Amino acid sequence: MTVHYLIAGSRAEAKSTAIVDWGWHPDRLCGRDGYRRPNGDFVIPVVDIQYLVGIRPPSEIYLGYAWSAVRHIDAALRELRACGCTVHHP
């Protein structure tokens, strides 16, 4: 599986470019279906760096609030790579 993530500058921008199958988000940023590519890739919009809490293996991918340090994104990407995902970002 390939995971893509996009850094969006604002919630409005993220909503206009939301293409991911997260399953649920409190602000309805991401729909329940339709945002996973036909080949199984995930494209993940990140509203703001500070909102990315962590990424787990595909069955547990989630977006949350709390941490702000870039190192958390780095840690999440390392975790994805460790479970065999290829991660791309612009």
PDB file of N, CA and C in Angstrom:
ATOM      1  N   MET A   1       0.840  -1.190   0.000  1.00  0.00           N
ATOM      2  CA  MET A   1       0.000   0.000   0.000  1.00  0.00           C
ATOM      3  C   MET A   1       0.873   1.237   0.000  1.00  0.00           C
ATOM      4  N   THR A   2       0.433   2.259  -0.714  1.00  0.00           N
ATOM      5  CA  THR A   2       1.134   3.535  -0.722  1.00  0.00           C
ATOM      6  C   THR A   2       0.289   4.552   0.023  1.00  0.00           C
ATOM      7  N   VAL A   3       0.921   5.332   0.877  1.00  0.00           N
ATOM      8  CA  VAL A   3       0.217   6.377   1.614  1.00  0.00           C
ATOM      9  C   VAL A   3       0.746   7.725   1.155  1.00  0.00           C
ATOM     10  N   HIS A   4      -0.161   8.611   0.761  1.00  0.00           N
ATOM     11  CA  HIS A   4       0.203   9.960   0.359  1.00  0.00           C
ATOM     12  C   HIS A   4      -0.363  10.902   1.414  1.00  0.00           C
ATOM     13  N   TYR A   5       0.327  11.967   1.726  1.00  0.00           N
ATOM     14  CA  TYR A   5      -0.310  12.949   2.596  1.00  0.00           C
ATOM     15  C   TYR A   5      -0.057  14.345   2.065  1.00  0.00           C
ATOM     16  N   LEU A   6      -1.033  15.219   2.276  1.00  0.00           N
ATOM     17  CA  LEU A   6      -0.991  16.588   1.793  1.00  0.00           C
ATOM     18  C   LEU A   6      -1.080  17.517   2.985  1.00  0.00           C
ATOM     19  N   ILE A   7      -0.238  18.525   3.024  1.00  0.00           N
ATOM     20  CA  ILE A   7      -0.349  19.531   4.074  1.00  0.00           C
ATOM     21  C   ILE A   7      -1.225  20.646   3.516  1.00  0.00           C
ATOM     22  N   ALA A   8      -2.344  20.886   4.159  1.00  0.00           N
ATOM     23  CA  ALA A   8      -3.259  21.929   3.713  1.00  0.00           C
ATOM     24  C   ALA A   8      -3.128  23.130   4.633  1.00  0.00           C
ATOM     25  N   GLY A   9      -3.223  24.322   4.067  1.00  0.00           N
ATOM     26  CA  GLY A   9      -2.997  25.532   4.840  1.00  0.00           C
ATOM     27  C   GLY A   9      -4.142  25.920   5.748  1.00  0.00           C
ATOM     28  N   SER A  10      -5.323  25.414   5.485  1.00  0.00           N
ATOM     29  CA  SER A  10      -6.476  25.787   6.294  1.00  0.00           C
ATOM     30  C   SER A  10      -7.507  24.676   6.218  1.00  0.00           C
ATOM     31  N   ARG A  11      -8.484  24.734   7.115  1.00  0.00           N
ATOM     32  CA  ARG A  11      -9.548  23.731   7.071  1.00  0.00           C
ATOM     33  C   ARG A  11     -10.303  23.817   5.751  1.00  0.00           C
ATOM     34  N   ALA A  12     -10.551  25.042   5.272  1.00  0.00           N
ATOM     35  CA  ALA A  12     -11.291  25.196   4.018  1.00  0.00           C
ATOM     36  C   ALA A  12     -10.525  24.551   2.871  1.00  0.00           C
ATOM     37  N   GLU A  13      -9.227  24.781   2.833  1.00  0.00           N
ATOM     38  CA  GLU A  13      -8.404  24.188   1.782  1.00  0.00           C
ATOM     39  C   GLU A  13      -8.406  22.671   1.905  1.00  0.00           C
ATOM     40  N   ALA A  14      -8.309  22.194   3.132  1.00  0.00           N
ATOM     41  CA  ALA A  14      -8.294  20.751   3.343  1.00  0.00           C
ATOM     42  C   ALA A  14      -9.618  20.136   2.899  1.00  0.00           C
ATOM     43  N   LYS A  15     -10.731  20.807   3.216  1.00  0.00           N
ATOM     44  CA  LYS A  15     -12.028  20.276   2.825  1.00  0.00           C
ATOM     45  C   LYS A  15     -12.142  20.209   1.306  1.00  0.00           C
ATOM     46  N   SER A  16     -11.547  21.179   0.619  1.00  0.00           N
ATOM     47  CA  SER A  16     -11.661  21.196  -0.837  1.00  0.00           C
ATOM     48  C   SER A  16     -10.760  20.161  -1.487  1.00  0.00           C
ATOM     49  N   THR A  17      -9.778  19.644  -0.747  1.00  0.00           N
ATOM     50  CA  THR A  17      -8.850  18.676  -1.327  1.00  0.00           C
ATOM     51  C   THR A  17      -8.885  17.345  -0.591  1.00  0.00           C
ATOM     52  N   ALA A  18      -9.906  17.133   0.227  1.00  0.00           N
ATOM     53  CA  ALA A  18      -9.945  15.921   1.056  1.00  0.00           C
ATOM     54  C   ALA A  18     -10.119  14.681   0.193  1.00  0.00           C
ATOM     55  N   ILE A  19      -9.095  13.846   0.164  1.00  0.00           N
ATOM     56  CA  ILE A  19      -9.175  12.601  -0.580  1.00  0.00           C
ATOM     57  C   ILE A  19      -8.529  11.506   0.253  1.00  0.00           C
ATOM     58  N   VAL A  20      -9.278  10.984   1.172  1.00  0.00           N
ATOM     59  CA  VAL A  20      -8.737   9.944   2.048  1.00  0.00           C
ATOM     60  C   VAL A  20      -9.872   9.136   2.655  1.00  0.00           C
ATOM     61  N   ASP A  21      -9.613   7.905   2.973  1.00  0.00           N
ATOM     62  CA  ASP A  21     -10.623   7.093   3.637  1.00  0.00           C
ATOM     63  C   ASP A  21     -10.243   6.959   5.110  1.00  0.00           C
ATOM     64  N   TRP A  22     -10.564   7.988   5.898  1.00  0.00           N
ATOM     65  CA  TRP A  22     -10.285   7.922   7.339  1.00  0.00           C
ATOM     66  C   TRP A  22     -11.390   7.178   8.058  1.00  0.00           C
ATOM     67  N   GLY A  23     -12.608   7.236   7.499  1.00  0.00           N
ATOM     68  CA  GLY A  23     -13.738   6.615   8.171  1.00  0.00           C
ATOM     69  C   GLY A  23     -14.545   7.596   9.005  1.00  0.00           C
ATOM     70  N   TRP A  24     -13.877   8.480   9.742  1.00  0.00           N
ATOM     71  CA  TRP A  24     -14.618   9.401  10.607  1.00  0.00           C
ATOM     72  C   TRP A  24     -13.734  10.571  10.986  1.00  0.00           C
ATOM     73  N   HIS A  25     -14.320  11.732  11.075  1.00  0.00           N
ATOM     74  CA  HIS A  25     -13.598  12.908  11.551  1.00  0.00           C
ATOM     75  C   HIS A  25     -14.626  13.837  12.176  1.00  0.00           C
ATOM     76  N   PRO A  26     -14.342  14.401  13.348  1.00  0.00           N
ATOM     77  CA  PRO A  26     -15.354  15.211  14.053  1.00  0.00           C
ATOM     78  C   PRO A  26     -15.858  16.401  13.252  1.00  0.00           C
ATOM     79  N   ASP A  27     -15.035  16.970  12.384  1.00  0.00           N
ATOM     80  CA  ASP A  27     -15.473  18.123  11.593  1.00  0.00           C
ATOM     81  C   ASP A  27     -15.965  17.714  10.213  1.00  0.00           C
ATOM     82  N   ARG A  28     -16.147  16.423  10.011  1.00  0.00           N
ATOM     83  CA  ARG A  28     -16.605  15.911   8.726  1.00  0.00           C
ATOM     84  C   ARG A  28     -15.662  16.321   7.601  1.00  0.00           C
ATOM     85  N   LEU A  29     -14.412  16.488   7.932  1.00  0.00           N
ATOM     86  CA  LEU A  29     -13.412  16.854   6.927  1.00  0.00           C
ATOM     87  C   LEU A  29     -13.332  15.763   5.869  1.00  0.00           C
ATOM     88  N   CYS A  30     -13.378  14.511   6.321  1.00  0.00           N
ATOM     89  CA  CYS A  30     -13.215  13.390   5.409  1.00  0.00           C
ATOM     90  C   CYS A  30     -14.474  12.547   5.410  1.00  0.00           C
ATOM     91  N   GLY A  31     -14.900  12.154   4.233  1.00  0.00           N
ATOM     92  CA  GLY A  31     -16.096  11.335   4.126  1.00  0.00           C
ATOM     93  C   GLY A  31     -15.844   9.917   4.592  1.00  0.00           C
ATOM     94  N   ARG A  32     -16.931   9.175   4.758  1.00  0.00           N
ATOM     95  CA  ARG A  32     -16.790   7.792   5.205  1.00  0.00           C
ATOM     96  C   ARG A  32     -16.290   6.894   4.078  1.00  0.00           C
ATOM     97  N   ASP A  33     -16.600   7.232   2.826  1.00  0.00           N
ATOM     98  CA  ASP A  33     -16.066   6.449   1.714  1.00  0.00           C
ATOM     99  C   ASP A  33     -15.684   7.370   0.568  1.00  0.00           C
ATOM    100  N   GLY A  34     -15.048   6.779  -0.417  1.00  0.00           N
ATOM    101  CA  GLY A  34     -14.784   7.507  -1.644  1.00  0.00           C
ATOM    102  C   GLY A  34     -13.453   8.210  -1.725  1.00  0.00           C
ATOM    103  N   TYR A  35     -12.663   8.208  -0.645  1.00  0.00           N
ATOM    104  CA  TYR A  35     -11.409   8.938  -0.680  1.00  0.00           C
ATOM    105  C   TYR A  35     -10.194   8.021  -0.729  1.00  0.00           C
ATOM    106  N   ARG A  36     -10.446   6.742  -0.945  1.00  0.00           N
ATOM    107  CA  ARG A  36      -9.342   5.809  -1.105  1.00  0.00           C
ATOM    108  C   ARG A  36      -9.224   5.504  -2.595  1.00  0.00           C
ATOM    109  N   ARG A  37      -8.021   5.553  -3.133  1.00  0.00           N
ATOM    110  CA  ARG A  37      -7.846   5.321  -4.558  1.00  0.00           C
ATOM    111  C   ARG A  37      -8.189   3.875  -4.914  1.00  0.00           C
ATOM    112  N   PRO A  38      -8.627   3.650  -6.168  1.00  0.00           N
ATOM    113  CA  PRO A  38      -8.997   2.298  -6.589  1.00  0.00           C
ATOM    114  C   PRO A  38      -7.885   1.265  -6.370  1.00  0.00           C
ATOM    115  N   ASN A  39      -6.626   1.703  -6.439  1.00  0.00           N
ATOM    116  CA  ASN A  39      -5.518   0.758  -6.252  1.00  0.00           C
ATOM    117  C   ASN A  39      -5.214   0.505  -4.782  1.00  0.00           C
ATOM    118  N   GLY A  40      -6.001   1.104  -3.879  1.00  0.00           N
ATOM    119  CA  GLY A  40      -5.807   0.858  -2.454  1.00  0.00           C
ATOM    120  C   GLY A  40      -4.973   1.905  -1.743  1.00  0.00           C
ATOM    121  N   ASP A  41      -4.415   2.864  -2.496  1.00  0.00           N
ATOM    122  CA  ASP A  41      -3.623   3.923  -1.868  1.00  0.00           C
ATOM    123  C   ASP A  41      -4.517   4.827  -1.032  1.00  0.00           C
ATOM    124  N   PHE A  42      -3.958   5.361   0.040  1.00  0.00           N
ATOM    125  CA  PHE A  42      -4.625   6.395   0.817  1.00  0.00           C
ATOM    126  C   PHE A  42      -4.000   7.733   0.447  1.00  0.00           C
ATOM    127  N   VAL A  43      -4.817   8.768   0.294  1.00  0.00           N
ATOM    128  CA  VAL A  43      -4.296  10.121   0.158  1.00  0.00           C
ATOM    129  C   VAL A  43      -4.810  10.873   1.372  1.00  0.00           C
ATOM    130  N   ILE A  44      -3.897  11.337   2.223  1.00  0.00           N
ATOM    131  CA  ILE A  44      -4.249  11.879   3.526  1.00  0.00           C
ATOM    132  C   ILE A  44      -4.085  13.392   3.566  1.00  0.00           C
ATOM    133  N   PRO A  45      -5.171  14.160   3.730  1.00  0.00           N
ATOM    134  CA  PRO A  45      -5.023  15.591   3.904  1.00  0.00           C
ATOM    135  C   PRO A  45      -4.787  15.894   5.382  1.00  0.00           C
ATOM    136  N   VAL A  46      -3.769  16.660   5.667  1.00  0.00           N
ATOM    137  CA  VAL A  46      -3.483  17.054   7.039  1.00  0.00           C
ATOM    138  C   VAL A  46      -3.840  18.533   7.139  1.00  0.00           C
ATOM    139  N   VAL A  47      -4.859  18.848   7.941  1.00  0.00           N
ATOM    140  CA  VAL A  47      -5.361  20.213   8.013  1.00  0.00           C
ATOM    141  C   VAL A  47      -4.265  21.165   8.452  1.00  0.00           C
ATOM    142  N   ASP A  48      -3.540  20.767   9.460  1.00  0.00           N
ATOM    143  CA  ASP A  48      -2.476  21.590   9.996  1.00  0.00           C
ATOM    144  C   ASP A  48      -1.530  20.628  10.680  1.00  0.00           C
ATOM    145  N   ILE A  49      -0.246  20.883  10.615  1.00  0.00           N
ATOM    146  CA  ILE A  49       0.726  19.966  11.210  1.00  0.00           C
ATOM    147  C   ILE A  49       0.360  19.636  12.651  1.00  0.00           C
ATOM    148  N   GLN A  50      -0.151  20.622  13.404  1.00  0.00           N
ATOM    149  CA  GLN A  50      -0.407  20.383  14.820  1.00  0.00           C
ATOM    150  C   GLN A  50      -1.559  19.401  15.038  1.00  0.00           C
ATOM    151  N   TYR A  51      -2.352  19.109  14.003  1.00  0.00           N
ATOM    152  CA  TYR A  51      -3.471  18.198  14.184  1.00  0.00           C
ATOM    153  C   TYR A  51      -3.105  16.743  13.928  1.00  0.00           C
ATOM    154  N   LEU A  52      -1.906  16.491  13.405  1.00  0.00           N
ATOM    155  CA  LEU A  52      -1.560  15.102  13.143  1.00  0.00           C
ATOM    156  C   LEU A  52      -1.040  14.467  14.419  1.00  0.00           C
ATOM    157  N   VAL A  53      -1.809  13.575  14.998  1.00  0.00           N
ATOM    158  CA  VAL A  53      -1.391  12.914  16.231  1.00  0.00           C
ATOM    159  C   VAL A  53      -0.541  11.704  15.905  1.00  0.00           C
ATOM    160  N   GLY A  54      -0.991  10.866  14.993  1.00  0.00           N
ATOM    161  CA  GLY A  54      -0.197   9.698  14.662  1.00  0.00           C
ATOM    162  C   GLY A  54      -0.851   8.848  13.606  1.00  0.00           C
ATOM    163  N   ILE A  55      -0.053   8.030  12.979  1.00  0.00           N
ATOM    164  CA  ILE A  55      -0.564   7.126  11.965  1.00  0.00           C
ATOM    165  C   ILE A  55      -0.183   5.716  12.373  1.00  0.00           C
ATOM    166  N   ARG A  56      -1.153   4.828  12.339  1.00  0.00           N
ATOM    167  CA  ARG A  56      -0.939   3.436  12.687  1.00  0.00           C
ATOM    168  C   ARG A  56      -1.123   2.593  11.420  1.00  0.00           C
ATOM    169  N   PRO A  57      -0.948   1.291  11.497  1.00  0.00           N
ATOM    170  CA  PRO A  57      -1.210   0.464  10.317  1.00  0.00           C
ATOM    171  C   PRO A  57      -2.606   0.747   9.749  1.00  0.00           C
ATOM    172  N   PRO A  58      -2.828   0.456   8.473  1.00  0.00           N
ATOM    173  CA  PRO A  58      -4.038   0.883   7.762  1.00  0.00           C
ATOM    174  C   PRO A  58      -5.355   0.688   8.495  1.00  0.00           C
ATOM    175  N   SER A  59      -5.515  -0.396   9.239  1.00  0.00           N
ATOM    176  CA  SER A  59      -6.795  -0.626   9.906  1.00  0.00           C
ATOM    177  C   SER A  59      -7.033   0.362  11.040  1.00  0.00           C
ATOM    178  N   GLU A  60      -6.000   1.061  11.461  1.00  0.00           N
ATOM    179  CA  GLU A  60      -6.149   1.960  12.599  1.00  0.00           C
ATOM    180  C   GLU A  60      -5.779   3.405  12.281  1.00  0.00           C
ATOM    181  N   ILE A  61      -5.665   3.743  10.984  1.00  0.00           N
ATOM    182  CA  ILE A  61      -5.276   5.113  10.633  1.00  0.00           C
ATOM    183  C   ILE A  61      -6.308   6.093  11.196  1.00  0.00           C
ATOM    184  N   TYR A  62      -5.839   7.153  11.814  1.00  0.00           N
ATOM    185  CA  TYR A  62      -6.756   8.154  12.336  1.00  0.00           C
ATOM    186  C   TYR A  62      -6.091   9.519  12.345  1.00  0.00           C
ATOM    187  N   LEU A  63      -6.932  10.536  12.343  1.00  0.00           N
ATOM    188  CA  LEU A  63      -6.465  11.914  12.419  1.00  0.00           C
ATOM    189  C   LEU A  63      -6.961  12.470  13.741  1.00  0.00           C
ATOM    190  N   GLY A  64      -6.115  13.178  14.462  1.00  0.00           N
ATOM    191  CA  GLY A  64      -6.556  13.692  15.754  1.00  0.00           C
ATOM    192  C   GLY A  64      -5.907  15.008  16.075  1.00  0.00           C
ATOM    193  N   TYR A  65      -6.249  15.534  17.214  1.00  0.00           N
ATOM    194  CA  TYR A  65      -5.730  16.813  17.656  1.00  0.00           C
ATOM    195  C   TYR A  65      -4.751  16.613  18.805  1.00  0.00           C
ATOM    196  N   ALA A  66      -3.852  17.508  19.006  1.00  0.00           N
ATOM    197  CA  ALA A  66      -3.056  17.593  20.229  1.00  0.00           C
ATOM    198  C   ALA A  66      -1.620  17.988  20.002  1.00  0.00           C
ATOM    199  N   TRP A  67      -0.840  17.154  19.310  1.00  0.00           N
ATOM    200  CA  TRP A  67       0.590  17.415  19.278  1.00  0.00           C
ATOM    201  C   TRP A  67       0.971  18.362  18.159  1.00  0.00           C
ATOM    202  N   SER A  68       1.983  19.172  18.374  1.00  0.00           N
ATOM    203  CA  SER A  68       2.327  20.162  17.363  1.00  0.00           C
ATOM    204  C   SER A  68       3.707  19.990  16.754  1.00  0.00           C
ATOM    205  N   ALA A  69       4.562  19.206  17.363  1.00  0.00           N
ATOM    206  CA  ALA A  69       5.940  19.129  16.881  1.00  0.00           C
ATOM    207  C   ALA A  69       6.046  18.307  15.607  1.00  0.00           C
ATOM    208  N   VAL A  70       6.863  18.778  14.689  1.00  0.00           N
ATOM    209  CA  VAL A  70       7.056  18.085  13.427  1.00  0.00           C
ATOM    210  C   VAL A  70       7.570  16.665  13.656  1.00  0.00           C
ATOM    211  N   ARG A  71       8.286  16.452  14.750  1.00  0.00           N
ATOM    212  CA  ARG A  71       8.835  15.112  14.996  1.00  0.00           C
ATOM    213  C   ARG A  71       7.744  14.048  15.074  1.00  0.00           C
ATOM    214  N   HIS A  72       6.515  14.450  15.429  1.00  0.00           N
ATOM    215  CA  HIS A  72       5.437  13.469  15.491  1.00  0.00           C
ATOM    216  C   HIS A  72       5.056  12.994  14.094  1.00  0.00           C
ATOM    217  N   ILE A  73       5.103  13.909  13.122  1.00  0.00           N
ATOM    218  CA  ILE A  73       4.853  13.502  11.746  1.00  0.00           C
ATOM    219  C   ILE A  73       5.960  12.557  11.304  1.00  0.00           C
ATOM    220  N   ASP A  74       7.199  12.920  11.613  1.00  0.00           N
ATOM    221  CA  ASP A  74       8.326  12.062  11.241  1.00  0.00           C
ATOM    222  C   ASP A  74       8.169  10.673  11.849  1.00  0.00           C
ATOM    223  N   ALA A  75       7.759  10.624  13.107  1.00  0.00           N
ATOM    224  CA  ALA A  75       7.588   9.334  13.783  1.00  0.00           C
ATOM    225  C   ALA A  75       6.473   8.529  13.114  1.00  0.00           C
ATOM    226  N   ALA A  76       5.393   9.211  12.751  1.00  0.00           N
ATOM    227  CA  ALA A  76       4.280   8.523  12.102  1.00  0.00           C
ATOM    228  C   ALA A  76       4.710   7.950  10.758  1.00  0.00           C
ATOM    229  N   LEU A  77       5.481   8.731  10.009  1.00  0.00           N
ATOM    230  CA  LEU A  77       5.932   8.258   8.699  1.00  0.00           C
ATOM    231  C   LEU A  77       6.897   7.093   8.841  1.00  0.00           C
ATOM    232  N   ARG A  78       7.741   7.146   9.862  1.00  0.00           N
ATOM    233  CA  ARG A  78       8.664   6.022  10.110  1.00  0.00           C
ATOM    234  C   ARG A  78       7.871   4.751  10.410  1.00  0.00           C
ATOM    235  N   GLU A  79       6.789   4.924  11.185  1.00  0.00           N
ATOM    236  CA  GLU A  79       5.955   3.778  11.540  1.00  0.00           C
ATOM    237  C   GLU A  79       5.317   3.153  10.301  1.00  0.00           C
ATOM    238  N   LEU A  80       4.821   4.031   9.422  1.00  0.00           N
ATOM    239  CA  LEU A  80       4.215   3.533   8.191  1.00  0.00           C
ATOM    240  C   LEU A  80       5.232   2.784   7.348  1.00  0.00           C
ATOM    241  N   ARG A  81       6.423   3.369   7.215  1.00  0.00           N
ATOM    242  CA  ARG A  81       7.461   2.712   6.408  1.00  0.00           C
ATOM    243  C   ARG A  81       7.848   1.366   7.018  1.00  0.00           C
ATOM    244  N   ALA A  82       7.869   1.314   8.349  1.00  0.00           N
ATOM    245  CA  ALA A  82       8.251   0.080   9.032  1.00  0.00           C
ATOM    246  C   ALA A  82       7.252  -1.046   8.766  1.00  0.00           C
ATOM    247  N   CYS A  83       5.978  -0.690   8.520  1.00  0.00           N
ATOM    248  CA  CYS A  83       4.994  -1.744   8.251  1.00  0.00           C
ATOM    249  C   CYS A  83       4.835  -1.969   6.752  1.00  0.00           C
ATOM    250  N   GLY A  84       5.806  -1.499   5.969  1.00  0.00           N
ATOM    251  CA  GLY A  84       5.830  -1.820   4.548  1.00  0.00           C
ATOM    252  C   GLY A  84       5.128  -0.855   3.625  1.00  0.00           C
ATOM    253  N   CYS A  85       4.690   0.292   4.129  1.00  0.00           N
ATOM    254  CA  CYS A  85       4.024   1.271   3.284  1.00  0.00           C
ATOM    255  C   CYS A  85       5.065   2.160   2.607  1.00  0.00           C
ATOM    256  N   THR A  86       4.742   2.596   1.399  1.00  0.00           N
ATOM    257  CA  THR A  86       5.568   3.583   0.722  1.00  0.00           C
ATOM    258  C   THR A  86       4.875   4.921   0.940  1.00  0.00           C
ATOM    259  N   VAL A  87       5.592   5.904   1.445  1.00  0.00           N
ATOM    260  CA  VAL A  87       4.982   7.193   1.768  1.00  0.00           C
ATOM    261  C   VAL A  87       5.467   8.253   0.793  1.00  0.00           C
ATOM    262  N   HIS A  88       4.524   8.969   0.188  1.00  0.00           N
ATOM    263  CA  HIS A  88       4.856  10.062  -0.723  1.00  0.00           C
ATOM    264  C   HIS A  88       4.229  11.340  -0.191  1.00  0.00           C
ATOM    265  N   HIS A  89       4.903  12.441  -0.346  1.00  0.00           N
ATOM    266  CA  HIS A  89       4.291  13.723   0.004  1.00  0.00           C
ATOM    267  C   HIS A  89       4.884  14.797  -0.885  1.00  0.00           C
ATOM    268  N   PRO A  90       4.107  15.865  -1.160  1.00  0.00           N
ATOM    269  CA  PRO A  90       4.575  16.933  -2.058  1.00  0.00           C
ATOM    270  C   PRO A  90       5.668  17.771  -1.419  1.00  0.00           C
TER     271      PRO A  90
END
